[in-house]
Amino acid sequence: MTEKKKIGRNQKDTNDDMINLVDNLNRDDDLKYNRRAFLKSAVGASVALGIATLPFSLKAMLGAEEKAVADSNRVKIADLADVPKGSSVTFHYPTEEDGALLVHSKEGKLAAYNNACTHLKCPVFYEEKKDILLCPCHKGSFDIGTGHPISGPPQRELPLIELEVEAGVVYAVGRKYRHG
């Protein structure tokens, strides 16, 4: 019987030794490095990044609104009486850096475009004899009614400026962007 007790006692000592060998994780580390703690850290980092980028997002949104307001500003171009049929007037729209051209065609139609050629940004002029918009840099030409290229290297139409005529005064009221 004493042998059985010895065997039992040896097994218990061996089990305690095995537990000590297998127990390589500290309980505090187990609580600190579990899935829940990882998820809390990941969510916290995501929220912190979201809050950190919020000022940049707001600035971008406000910039887009300012651009929309700038594009919709009403700017006086000229008195209609000062722009006879078959002539043109240069002006700036939507900013002072953006050159534009108002054309009063021989048929009496008004059209306005940004006057930078869509090929290499050379200035575009109204050619009264041919009733077209002409870029003298590479002999590109545009239709005055649509702004679409007719000849030369330009592949895209000129950006259209929307007009209003009120009490004999021509106003630029916005820009029309074409897609496609």
N, C-alpha and C. Protein backbone atom coordinates (compact mmCIF):
# COMPACT_ATOMS: atom_id res chain seq x y z
N MET A 1 0.78 -1.16 0.00
CA MET A 1 0.00 0.00 0.00
C MET A 1 0.85 1.26 0.00
N THR A 2 1.89 1.16 0.63
CA THR A 2 2.78 2.31 0.63
C THR A 2 3.30 2.59 -0.78
N GLU A 3 3.39 1.57 -1.55
CA GLU A 3 3.83 1.79 -2.93
C GLU A 3 2.79 2.55 -3.72
N LYS A 4 1.52 2.24 -3.49
CA LYS A 4 0.46 2.95 -4.19
C LYS A 4 0.48 4.42 -3.82
N LYS A 5 0.67 4.71 -2.56
CA LYS A 5 0.72 6.11 -2.16
C LYS A 5 1.89 6.80 -2.82
N LYS A 6 2.99 6.08 -2.93
CA LYS A 6 4.15 6.66 -3.58
C LYS A 6 3.86 6.95 -5.04
N ILE A 7 3.23 6.00 -5.68
CA ILE A 7 2.91 6.18 -7.09
C ILE A 7 1.94 7.35 -7.24
N GLY A 8 0.91 7.38 -6.40
CA GLY A 8 -0.06 8.48 -6.45
C GLY A 8 0.61 9.81 -6.20
N ARG A 9 1.48 9.84 -5.24
CA ARG A 9 2.16 11.09 -4.92
C ARG A 9 3.08 11.49 -6.08
N ASN A 10 3.76 10.55 -6.69
CA ASN A 10 4.64 10.84 -7.83
C ASN A 10 3.84 11.36 -9.02
N GLN A 11 2.69 10.79 -9.23
CA GLN A 11 1.86 11.25 -10.34
C GLN A 11 1.41 12.69 -10.10
N LYS A 12 1.04 12.99 -8.86
CA LYS A 12 0.60 14.35 -8.56
C LYS A 12 1.76 15.32 -8.76
N ASP A 13 2.92 14.98 -8.32
CA ASP A 13 4.08 15.84 -8.51
C ASP A 13 4.36 16.01 -9.99
N THR A 14 4.24 14.92 -10.74
CA THR A 14 4.46 14.98 -12.18
C THR A 14 3.42 15.88 -12.84
N ASN A 15 2.14 15.77 -12.43
CA ASN A 15 1.08 16.61 -12.99
C ASN A 15 1.34 18.10 -12.67
N ASP A 16 1.77 18.36 -11.44
CA ASP A 16 2.08 19.75 -11.08
C ASP A 16 3.23 20.28 -11.94
N ASP A 17 4.22 19.43 -12.16
CA ASP A 17 5.33 19.84 -13.00
C ASP A 17 4.86 20.10 -14.43
N MET A 18 3.97 19.24 -14.96
CA MET A 18 3.44 19.39 -16.31
C MET A 18 2.62 20.68 -16.41
N ILE A 19 1.83 20.97 -15.41
CA ILE A 19 1.04 22.19 -15.42
C ILE A 19 1.96 23.40 -15.44
N ASN A 20 3.02 23.32 -14.66
CA ASN A 20 3.96 24.43 -14.67
C ASN A 20 4.66 24.56 -16.02
N LEU A 21 4.92 23.47 -16.69
CA LEU A 21 5.54 23.52 -18.01
C LEU A 21 4.57 24.04 -19.06
N VAL A 22 3.32 23.57 -19.02
CA VAL A 22 2.32 23.95 -20.00
C VAL A 22 1.82 25.35 -19.74
N ASP A 23 1.77 25.76 -18.49
CA ASP A 23 1.24 27.07 -18.15
C ASP A 23 2.28 28.15 -18.48
N ASN A 24 2.49 28.33 -19.80
CA ASN A 24 3.47 29.32 -20.21
C ASN A 24 2.84 30.70 -20.43
N LEU A 25 1.53 30.81 -20.28
CA LEU A 25 0.84 32.10 -20.37
C LEU A 25 0.47 32.56 -18.99
N ASN A 26 0.74 33.76 -18.72
CA ASN A 26 0.36 34.36 -17.47
C ASN A 26 -1.11 34.77 -17.58
N ARG A 27 -1.86 34.63 -16.54
CA ARG A 27 -3.28 34.97 -16.58
C ARG A 27 -3.48 36.45 -16.91
N ASP A 28 -2.63 37.31 -16.42
CA ASP A 28 -2.73 38.74 -16.73
C ASP A 28 -2.52 38.99 -18.22
N ASP A 29 -1.53 38.28 -18.80
CA ASP A 29 -1.31 38.42 -20.24
C ASP A 29 -2.49 37.90 -21.03
N ASP A 30 -3.10 36.82 -20.54
CA ASP A 30 -4.26 36.24 -21.23
C ASP A 30 -5.41 37.24 -21.26
N LEU A 31 -5.62 37.95 -20.18
CA LEU A 31 -6.69 38.95 -20.15
C LEU A 31 -6.33 40.17 -20.99
N LYS A 32 -5.05 40.49 -21.03
CA LYS A 32 -4.60 41.67 -21.77
C LYS A 32 -4.58 41.44 -23.28
N TYR A 33 -4.25 40.23 -23.74
CA TYR A 33 -4.06 39.96 -25.16
C TYR A 33 -5.14 39.03 -25.73
N ASN A 34 -6.36 39.21 -25.37
CA ASN A 34 -7.41 38.35 -25.91
C ASN A 34 -8.10 39.04 -27.08
N ARG A 35 -9.05 38.35 -27.71
CA ARG A 35 -9.74 38.88 -28.88
C ARG A 35 -10.52 40.15 -28.57
N ARG A 36 -11.17 40.16 -27.45
CA ARG A 36 -11.97 41.33 -27.09
C ARG A 36 -11.09 42.58 -26.97
N ALA A 37 -9.93 42.42 -26.34
CA ALA A 37 -9.02 43.56 -26.21
C ALA A 37 -8.51 44.00 -27.58
N PHE A 38 -8.23 43.04 -28.45
CA PHE A 38 -7.78 43.37 -29.80
C PHE A 38 -8.87 44.14 -30.55
N LEU A 39 -10.11 43.67 -30.49
CA LEU A 39 -11.21 44.35 -31.18
C LEU A 39 -11.43 45.74 -30.62
N LYS A 40 -11.33 45.90 -29.31
CA LYS A 40 -11.48 47.24 -28.71
C LYS A 40 -10.40 48.17 -29.25
N SER A 41 -9.18 47.68 -29.33
CA SER A 41 -8.08 48.49 -29.84
C SER A 41 -8.30 48.84 -31.30
N ALA A 42 -8.74 47.88 -32.11
CA ALA A 42 -8.96 48.12 -33.54
C ALA A 42 -10.07 49.15 -33.75
N VAL A 43 -11.17 49.01 -33.02
CA VAL A 43 -12.27 49.97 -33.14
C VAL A 43 -11.82 51.35 -32.66
N GLY A 44 -11.09 51.40 -31.58
CA GLY A 44 -10.58 52.68 -31.08
C GLY A 44 -9.68 53.37 -32.08
N ALA A 45 -8.80 52.61 -32.72
CA ALA A 45 -7.90 53.18 -33.72
C ALA A 45 -8.69 53.68 -34.93
N SER A 46 -9.71 52.93 -35.35
CA SER A 46 -10.55 53.35 -36.48
C SER A 46 -11.28 54.64 -36.17
N VAL A 47 -11.84 54.74 -34.99
CA VAL A 47 -12.55 55.96 -34.59
C VAL A 47 -11.57 57.14 -34.54
N ALA A 48 -10.39 56.92 -33.99
CA ALA A 48 -9.39 57.98 -33.90
C ALA A 48 -8.97 58.46 -35.29
N LEU A 49 -8.78 57.54 -36.22
CA LEU A 49 -8.43 57.93 -37.59
C LEU A 49 -9.57 58.69 -38.26
N GLY A 50 -10.79 58.24 -38.04
CA GLY A 50 -11.94 58.93 -38.61
C GLY A 50 -12.06 60.35 -38.09
N ILE A 51 -11.86 60.53 -36.81
CA ILE A 51 -11.94 61.87 -36.22
C ILE A 51 -10.76 62.73 -36.71
N ALA A 52 -9.60 62.13 -36.87
CA ALA A 52 -8.43 62.88 -37.32
C ALA A 52 -8.60 63.39 -38.75
N THR A 53 -9.32 62.66 -39.61
CA THR A 53 -9.51 63.08 -41.00
C THR A 53 -10.72 63.97 -41.19
N LEU A 54 -11.52 64.16 -40.17
CA LEU A 54 -12.74 64.96 -40.27
C LEU A 54 -12.47 66.40 -40.72
N PRO A 55 -11.47 67.10 -40.20
CA PRO A 55 -11.23 68.48 -40.67
C PRO A 55 -10.93 68.54 -42.17
N PHE A 56 -10.20 67.55 -42.69
CA PHE A 56 -9.88 67.54 -44.11
C PHE A 56 -11.12 67.30 -44.95
N SER A 57 -12.00 66.43 -44.48
CA SER A 57 -13.25 66.16 -45.19
C SER A 57 -14.13 67.39 -45.22
N LEU A 58 -14.22 68.08 -44.10
CA LEU A 58 -15.02 69.30 -44.04
C LEU A 58 -14.45 70.37 -44.96
N LYS A 59 -13.15 70.51 -44.99
CA LYS A 59 -12.52 71.49 -45.87
C LYS A 59 -12.82 71.17 -47.33
N ALA A 60 -12.75 69.91 -47.72
CA ALA A 60 -13.05 69.51 -49.09
C ALA A 60 -14.50 69.81 -49.44
N MET A 61 -15.42 69.51 -48.51
CA MET A 61 -16.83 69.78 -48.77
C MET A 61 -17.08 71.28 -48.90
N LEU A 62 -16.49 72.08 -48.04
CA LEU A 62 -16.67 73.53 -48.11
C LEU A 62 -16.05 74.09 -49.38
N GLY A 63 -14.92 73.54 -49.80
CA GLY A 63 -14.29 73.98 -51.04
C GLY A 63 -15.17 73.71 -52.24
N ALA A 64 -15.84 72.56 -52.25
CA ALA A 64 -16.75 72.24 -53.34
C ALA A 64 -17.94 73.19 -53.35
N GLU A 65 -18.44 73.54 -52.15
CA GLU A 65 -19.55 74.49 -52.07
C GLU A 65 -19.10 75.87 -52.54
N GLU A 66 -17.90 76.29 -52.16
CA GLU A 66 -17.39 77.59 -52.60
C GLU A 66 -17.23 77.63 -54.11
N LYS A 67 -16.78 76.52 -54.70
CA LYS A 67 -16.65 76.46 -56.15
C LYS A 67 -18.01 76.55 -56.81
N ALA A 68 -19.00 75.86 -56.26
CA ALA A 68 -20.36 75.92 -56.81
C ALA A 68 -20.91 77.34 -56.71
N VAL A 69 -20.65 78.00 -55.59
CA VAL A 69 -21.12 79.39 -55.43
C VAL A 69 -20.40 80.29 -56.42
N ALA A 70 -19.08 80.10 -56.58
CA ALA A 70 -18.31 80.92 -57.52
C ALA A 70 -18.81 80.72 -58.95
N ASP A 71 -19.15 79.47 -59.31
CA ASP A 71 -19.65 79.18 -60.65
C ASP A 71 -21.03 79.77 -60.88
N SER A 72 -21.82 79.94 -59.84
CA SER A 72 -23.17 80.44 -60.02
C SER A 72 -23.27 81.95 -59.84
N ASN A 73 -22.15 82.62 -59.57
CA ASN A 73 -22.18 84.07 -59.42
C ASN A 73 -22.57 84.73 -60.73
N ARG A 74 -23.32 85.76 -60.61
CA ARG A 74 -23.78 86.53 -61.77
C ARG A 74 -22.79 87.67 -62.00
N VAL A 75 -22.18 87.70 -63.18
CA VAL A 75 -21.19 88.70 -63.51
C VAL A 75 -21.62 89.44 -64.78
N LYS A 76 -21.60 90.75 -64.70
CA LYS A 76 -21.94 91.56 -65.88
C LYS A 76 -20.80 91.45 -66.89
N ILE A 77 -21.17 91.17 -68.16
CA ILE A 77 -20.17 91.09 -69.22
C ILE A 77 -20.15 92.41 -69.99
N ALA A 78 -21.30 92.80 -70.52
CA ALA A 78 -21.36 94.02 -71.33
C ALA A 78 -22.81 94.40 -71.58
N ASP A 79 -23.01 95.64 -72.01
CA ASP A 79 -24.32 96.04 -72.51
C ASP A 79 -24.49 95.44 -73.89
N LEU A 80 -25.65 94.92 -74.19
CA LEU A 80 -25.91 94.28 -75.48
C LEU A 80 -25.68 95.26 -76.63
N ALA A 81 -25.96 96.52 -76.42
CA ALA A 81 -25.77 97.54 -77.46
C ALA A 81 -24.29 97.72 -77.81
N ASP A 82 -23.40 97.38 -76.88
CA ASP A 82 -21.95 97.53 -77.11
C ASP A 82 -21.34 96.32 -77.82
N VAL A 83 -22.16 95.31 -78.09
CA VAL A 83 -21.67 94.10 -78.77
C VAL A 83 -22.55 93.87 -80.00
N PRO A 84 -22.25 94.56 -81.12
CA PRO A 84 -23.08 94.39 -82.32
C PRO A 84 -22.92 92.99 -82.92
N LYS A 85 -23.88 92.61 -83.77
CA LYS A 85 -23.80 91.31 -84.46
C LYS A 85 -22.48 91.22 -85.21
N GLY A 86 -21.88 90.01 -85.15
CA GLY A 86 -20.62 89.78 -85.84
C GLY A 86 -19.41 90.30 -85.06
N SER A 87 -19.56 90.45 -83.75
CA SER A 87 -18.43 90.92 -82.95
C SER A 87 -18.30 90.09 -81.68
N SER A 88 -17.25 90.37 -80.92
CA SER A 88 -17.02 89.62 -79.68
C SER A 88 -16.43 90.54 -78.62
N VAL A 89 -16.52 90.10 -77.38
CA VAL A 89 -15.97 90.83 -76.24
C VAL A 89 -15.28 89.82 -75.34
N THR A 90 -14.07 90.17 -74.88
CA THR A 90 -13.39 89.30 -73.91
C THR A 90 -13.75 89.76 -72.50
N PHE A 91 -13.80 88.80 -71.59
CA PHE A 91 -14.10 89.08 -70.19
C PHE A 91 -13.47 87.98 -69.35
N HIS A 92 -13.61 88.05 -68.05
CA HIS A 92 -13.06 87.03 -67.15
C HIS A 92 -14.20 86.37 -66.38
N TYR A 93 -14.19 85.04 -66.40
CA TYR A 93 -15.22 84.31 -65.67
C TYR A 93 -14.77 82.87 -65.47
N PRO A 94 -14.96 82.24 -64.37
CA PRO A 94 -15.60 82.68 -63.14
C PRO A 94 -14.67 83.48 -62.23
N THR A 95 -13.35 83.47 -62.50
CA THR A 95 -12.42 84.26 -61.70
C THR A 95 -11.66 85.20 -62.61
N GLU A 96 -10.90 86.08 -62.04
CA GLU A 96 -10.10 87.03 -62.82
C GLU A 96 -8.99 86.35 -63.61
N GLU A 97 -8.64 85.13 -63.25
CA GLU A 97 -7.60 84.39 -63.97
C GLU A 97 -8.14 83.62 -65.16
N ASP A 98 -9.46 83.47 -65.25
CA ASP A 98 -10.08 82.67 -66.32
C ASP A 98 -10.59 83.59 -67.43
N GLY A 99 -9.88 83.59 -68.55
CA GLY A 99 -10.31 84.39 -69.70
C GLY A 99 -11.51 83.75 -70.38
N ALA A 100 -12.38 84.61 -70.91
CA ALA A 100 -13.59 84.12 -71.58
C ALA A 100 -13.90 85.02 -72.77
N LEU A 101 -14.79 84.54 -73.62
CA LEU A 101 -15.13 85.25 -74.85
C LEU A 101 -16.64 85.20 -75.06
N LEU A 102 -17.25 86.38 -75.22
CA LEU A 102 -18.66 86.50 -75.57
C LEU A 102 -18.73 86.80 -77.05
N VAL A 103 -19.52 86.01 -77.79
CA VAL A 103 -19.66 86.18 -79.23
C VAL A 103 -21.11 86.51 -79.54
N HIS A 104 -21.31 87.55 -80.36
CA HIS A 104 -22.63 87.88 -80.89
C HIS A 104 -22.55 87.56 -82.38
N SER A 105 -23.10 86.41 -82.76
CA SER A 105 -22.94 85.91 -84.13
C SER A 105 -23.66 86.79 -85.14
N LYS A 106 -23.35 86.56 -86.40
CA LYS A 106 -23.98 87.31 -87.49
C LYS A 106 -25.50 87.12 -87.48
N GLU A 107 -25.95 85.94 -87.02
CA GLU A 107 -27.38 85.65 -86.95
C GLU A 107 -28.03 86.25 -85.71
N GLY A 108 -27.25 86.84 -84.83
CA GLY A 108 -27.78 87.48 -83.64
C GLY A 108 -27.81 86.60 -82.39
N LYS A 109 -27.20 85.43 -82.44
CA LYS A 109 -27.16 84.54 -81.28
C LYS A 109 -25.96 84.90 -80.40
N LEU A 110 -26.18 84.79 -79.09
CA LEU A 110 -25.11 85.03 -78.12
C LEU A 110 -24.57 83.70 -77.61
N ALA A 111 -23.26 83.62 -77.48
CA ALA A 111 -22.62 82.43 -76.90
C ALA A 111 -21.36 82.90 -76.19
N ALA A 112 -21.03 82.23 -75.10
CA ALA A 112 -19.81 82.56 -74.36
C ALA A 112 -19.09 81.27 -73.98
N TYR A 113 -17.77 81.31 -74.08
CA TYR A 113 -16.93 80.16 -73.78
C TYR A 113 -15.67 80.62 -73.06
N ASN A 114 -15.06 79.71 -72.31
CA ASN A 114 -13.71 79.98 -71.83
C ASN A 114 -12.85 80.05 -73.08
N ASN A 115 -11.98 81.02 -73.15
CA ASN A 115 -11.25 81.21 -74.42
C ASN A 115 -9.88 80.54 -74.45
N ALA A 116 -9.64 79.57 -73.63
CA ALA A 116 -8.40 78.80 -73.68
C ALA A 116 -8.66 77.55 -74.53
N CYS A 117 -7.91 77.40 -75.60
CA CYS A 117 -8.06 76.25 -76.49
C CYS A 117 -7.88 74.95 -75.69
N THR A 118 -8.68 73.98 -76.00
CA THR A 118 -8.62 72.71 -75.27
C THR A 118 -7.43 71.85 -75.70
N HIS A 119 -6.67 72.31 -76.70
CA HIS A 119 -5.49 71.57 -77.13
C HIS A 119 -4.29 71.94 -76.25
N LEU A 120 -3.83 73.19 -76.33
CA LEU A 120 -2.67 73.62 -75.54
C LEU A 120 -2.89 74.95 -74.84
N LYS A 121 -4.13 75.31 -74.60
CA LYS A 121 -4.50 76.50 -73.82
C LYS A 121 -4.13 77.83 -74.48
N CYS A 122 -3.92 77.86 -75.78
CA CYS A 122 -3.70 79.13 -76.47
C CYS A 122 -5.02 79.89 -76.47
N PRO A 123 -4.97 81.24 -76.57
CA PRO A 123 -6.22 82.00 -76.58
C PRO A 123 -7.00 81.80 -77.87
N VAL A 124 -8.31 81.73 -77.74
CA VAL A 124 -9.21 81.54 -78.88
C VAL A 124 -9.85 82.88 -79.20
N PHE A 125 -9.99 83.20 -80.50
CA PHE A 125 -10.56 84.46 -80.95
C PHE A 125 -11.74 84.20 -81.88
N TYR A 126 -12.60 85.20 -81.99
CA TYR A 126 -13.74 85.11 -82.91
C TYR A 126 -13.26 85.59 -84.28
N GLU A 127 -13.45 84.74 -85.29
CA GLU A 127 -13.11 85.06 -86.68
C GLU A 127 -14.41 85.41 -87.38
N GLU A 128 -14.65 86.72 -87.55
CA GLU A 128 -15.93 87.20 -88.08
C GLU A 128 -16.19 86.73 -89.50
N LYS A 129 -15.18 86.73 -90.36
CA LYS A 129 -15.38 86.37 -91.77
C LYS A 129 -15.91 84.94 -91.92
N LYS A 130 -15.34 84.02 -91.14
CA LYS A 130 -15.76 82.61 -91.23
C LYS A 130 -16.81 82.26 -90.19
N ASP A 131 -17.09 83.17 -89.26
CA ASP A 131 -18.06 82.96 -88.18
C ASP A 131 -17.72 81.71 -87.36
N ILE A 132 -16.45 81.64 -86.95
CA ILE A 132 -15.97 80.52 -86.12
C ILE A 132 -15.09 81.07 -85.01
N LEU A 133 -14.77 80.22 -84.06
CA LEU A 133 -13.78 80.53 -83.03
C LEU A 133 -12.47 79.91 -83.49
N LEU A 134 -11.41 80.69 -83.49
CA LEU A 134 -10.15 80.25 -84.06
C LEU A 134 -9.03 80.28 -83.03
N CYS A 135 -8.26 79.20 -83.01
CA CYS A 135 -7.03 79.15 -82.19
C CYS A 135 -5.87 79.30 -83.17
N PRO A 136 -5.18 80.43 -83.14
CA PRO A 136 -4.12 80.67 -84.12
C PRO A 136 -2.85 79.84 -83.90
N CYS A 137 -2.68 79.25 -82.75
CA CYS A 137 -1.45 78.49 -82.48
C CYS A 137 -1.28 77.29 -83.42
N HIS A 138 -2.32 76.51 -83.60
CA HIS A 138 -2.22 75.31 -84.44
C HIS A 138 -3.37 75.23 -85.44
N LYS A 139 -3.98 76.36 -85.73
CA LYS A 139 -5.08 76.45 -86.70
C LYS A 139 -6.28 75.58 -86.31
N GLY A 140 -6.54 75.52 -85.03
CA GLY A 140 -7.73 74.82 -84.56
C GLY A 140 -8.93 75.75 -84.63
N SER A 141 -10.09 75.21 -84.92
CA SER A 141 -11.29 76.04 -84.96
C SER A 141 -12.45 75.33 -84.27
N PHE A 142 -13.38 76.16 -83.77
CA PHE A 142 -14.52 75.67 -83.01
C PHE A 142 -15.80 76.30 -83.55
N ASP A 143 -16.88 75.55 -83.49
CA ASP A 143 -18.20 76.04 -83.87
C ASP A 143 -18.67 77.05 -82.83
N ILE A 144 -19.17 78.23 -83.25
CA ILE A 144 -19.57 79.23 -82.26
C ILE A 144 -20.88 78.88 -81.58
N GLY A 145 -21.68 78.03 -82.18
CA GLY A 145 -22.95 77.64 -81.56
C GLY A 145 -22.82 76.57 -80.49
N THR A 146 -21.86 75.67 -80.67
CA THR A 146 -21.73 74.54 -79.74
C THR A 146 -20.41 74.49 -79.00
N GLY A 147 -19.38 75.12 -79.56
CA GLY A 147 -18.04 75.05 -78.96
C GLY A 147 -17.29 73.79 -79.35
N HIS A 148 -17.90 72.94 -80.19
CA HIS A 148 -17.24 71.70 -80.62
C HIS A 148 -16.14 72.01 -81.63
N PRO A 149 -15.04 71.25 -81.59
CA PRO A 149 -13.95 71.48 -82.55
C PRO A 149 -14.40 71.13 -83.97
N ILE A 150 -13.98 71.97 -84.91
CA ILE A 150 -14.29 71.74 -86.32
C ILE A 150 -13.07 71.23 -87.06
N SER A 151 -11.92 71.83 -86.77
CA SER A 151 -10.69 71.43 -87.45
C SER A 151 -9.51 71.62 -86.52
N GLY A 152 -8.37 71.04 -86.94
CA GLY A 152 -7.14 71.18 -86.17
C GLY A 152 -7.01 70.12 -85.09
N PRO A 153 -6.03 70.29 -84.24
CA PRO A 153 -5.74 69.28 -83.22
C PRO A 153 -6.72 69.22 -82.04
N PRO A 154 -7.49 70.27 -81.70
CA PRO A 154 -8.37 70.14 -80.53
C PRO A 154 -9.36 68.98 -80.67
N GLN A 155 -9.51 68.23 -79.59
CA GLN A 155 -10.42 67.08 -79.59
C GLN A 155 -11.65 67.30 -78.71
N ARG A 156 -11.57 68.27 -77.80
CA ARG A 156 -12.68 68.53 -76.87
C ARG A 156 -13.27 69.90 -77.13
N GLU A 157 -14.55 70.04 -76.80
CA GLU A 157 -15.22 71.32 -76.99
C GLU A 157 -14.77 72.33 -75.93
N LEU A 158 -15.00 73.59 -76.22
CA LEU A 158 -14.69 74.66 -75.27
C LEU A 158 -15.73 74.65 -74.15
N PRO A 159 -15.33 74.92 -72.92
CA PRO A 159 -16.30 74.99 -71.81
C PRO A 159 -17.28 76.16 -72.02
N LEU A 160 -18.55 75.86 -71.96
CA LEU A 160 -19.62 76.82 -72.20
C LEU A 160 -19.91 77.64 -70.95
N ILE A 161 -20.13 78.92 -71.13
CA ILE A 161 -20.55 79.80 -70.04
C ILE A 161 -22.01 80.16 -70.30
N GLU A 162 -22.84 79.93 -69.31
CA GLU A 162 -24.27 80.22 -69.46
C GLU A 162 -24.51 81.72 -69.32
N LEU A 163 -25.43 82.22 -70.13
CA LEU A 163 -25.70 83.65 -70.20
C LEU A 163 -27.14 83.97 -69.86
N GLU A 164 -27.34 85.19 -69.40
CA GLU A 164 -28.67 85.76 -69.23
C GLU A 164 -28.61 87.19 -69.76
N VAL A 165 -29.67 87.60 -70.45
CA VAL A 165 -29.78 88.99 -70.90
C VAL A 165 -30.97 89.59 -70.16
N GLU A 166 -30.69 90.66 -69.44
CA GLU A 166 -31.74 91.31 -68.66
C GLU A 166 -31.60 92.82 -68.80
N ALA A 167 -32.66 93.45 -69.27
CA ALA A 167 -32.69 94.91 -69.45
C ALA A 167 -31.53 95.40 -70.31
N GLY A 168 -31.21 94.67 -71.36
CA GLY A 168 -30.16 95.09 -72.29
C GLY A 168 -28.75 94.84 -71.80
N VAL A 169 -28.59 94.08 -70.71
CA VAL A 169 -27.27 93.77 -70.16
C VAL A 169 -27.05 92.26 -70.23
N VAL A 170 -25.86 91.86 -70.68
CA VAL A 170 -25.51 90.44 -70.78
C VAL A 170 -24.73 90.04 -69.53
N TYR A 171 -25.20 88.97 -68.87
CA TYR A 171 -24.57 88.47 -67.65
C TYR A 171 -24.09 87.03 -67.86
N ALA A 172 -22.96 86.71 -67.27
CA ALA A 172 -22.52 85.32 -67.15
C ALA A 172 -23.11 84.81 -65.83
N VAL A 173 -23.79 83.67 -65.88
CA VAL A 173 -24.48 83.18 -64.68
C VAL A 173 -24.02 81.82 -64.22
N GLY A 174 -23.19 81.15 -65.00
CA GLY A 174 -22.73 79.82 -64.59
C GLY A 174 -21.94 79.18 -65.69
N ARG A 175 -21.40 78.03 -65.36
CA ARG A 175 -20.65 77.25 -66.35
C ARG A 175 -21.38 75.95 -66.56
N LYS A 176 -21.39 75.51 -67.80
CA LYS A 176 -22.05 74.25 -68.12
C LYS A 176 -20.97 73.25 -68.50
N TYR A 177 -20.95 72.15 -67.75
CA TYR A 177 -19.97 71.10 -67.99
C TYR A 177 -20.64 69.99 -68.78
N ARG A 178 -20.01 69.63 -69.86
CA ARG A 178 -20.54 68.55 -70.69
C ARG A 178 -19.75 67.29 -70.38
N HIS A 179 -20.45 66.19 -70.39
CA HIS A 179 -19.80 64.89 -70.15
C HIS A 179 -20.01 64.03 -71.36
N GLY A 180 -18.96 63.30 -71.72
CA GLY A 180 -19.12 62.34 -72.80
C GLY A 180 -18.43 62.70 -74.05
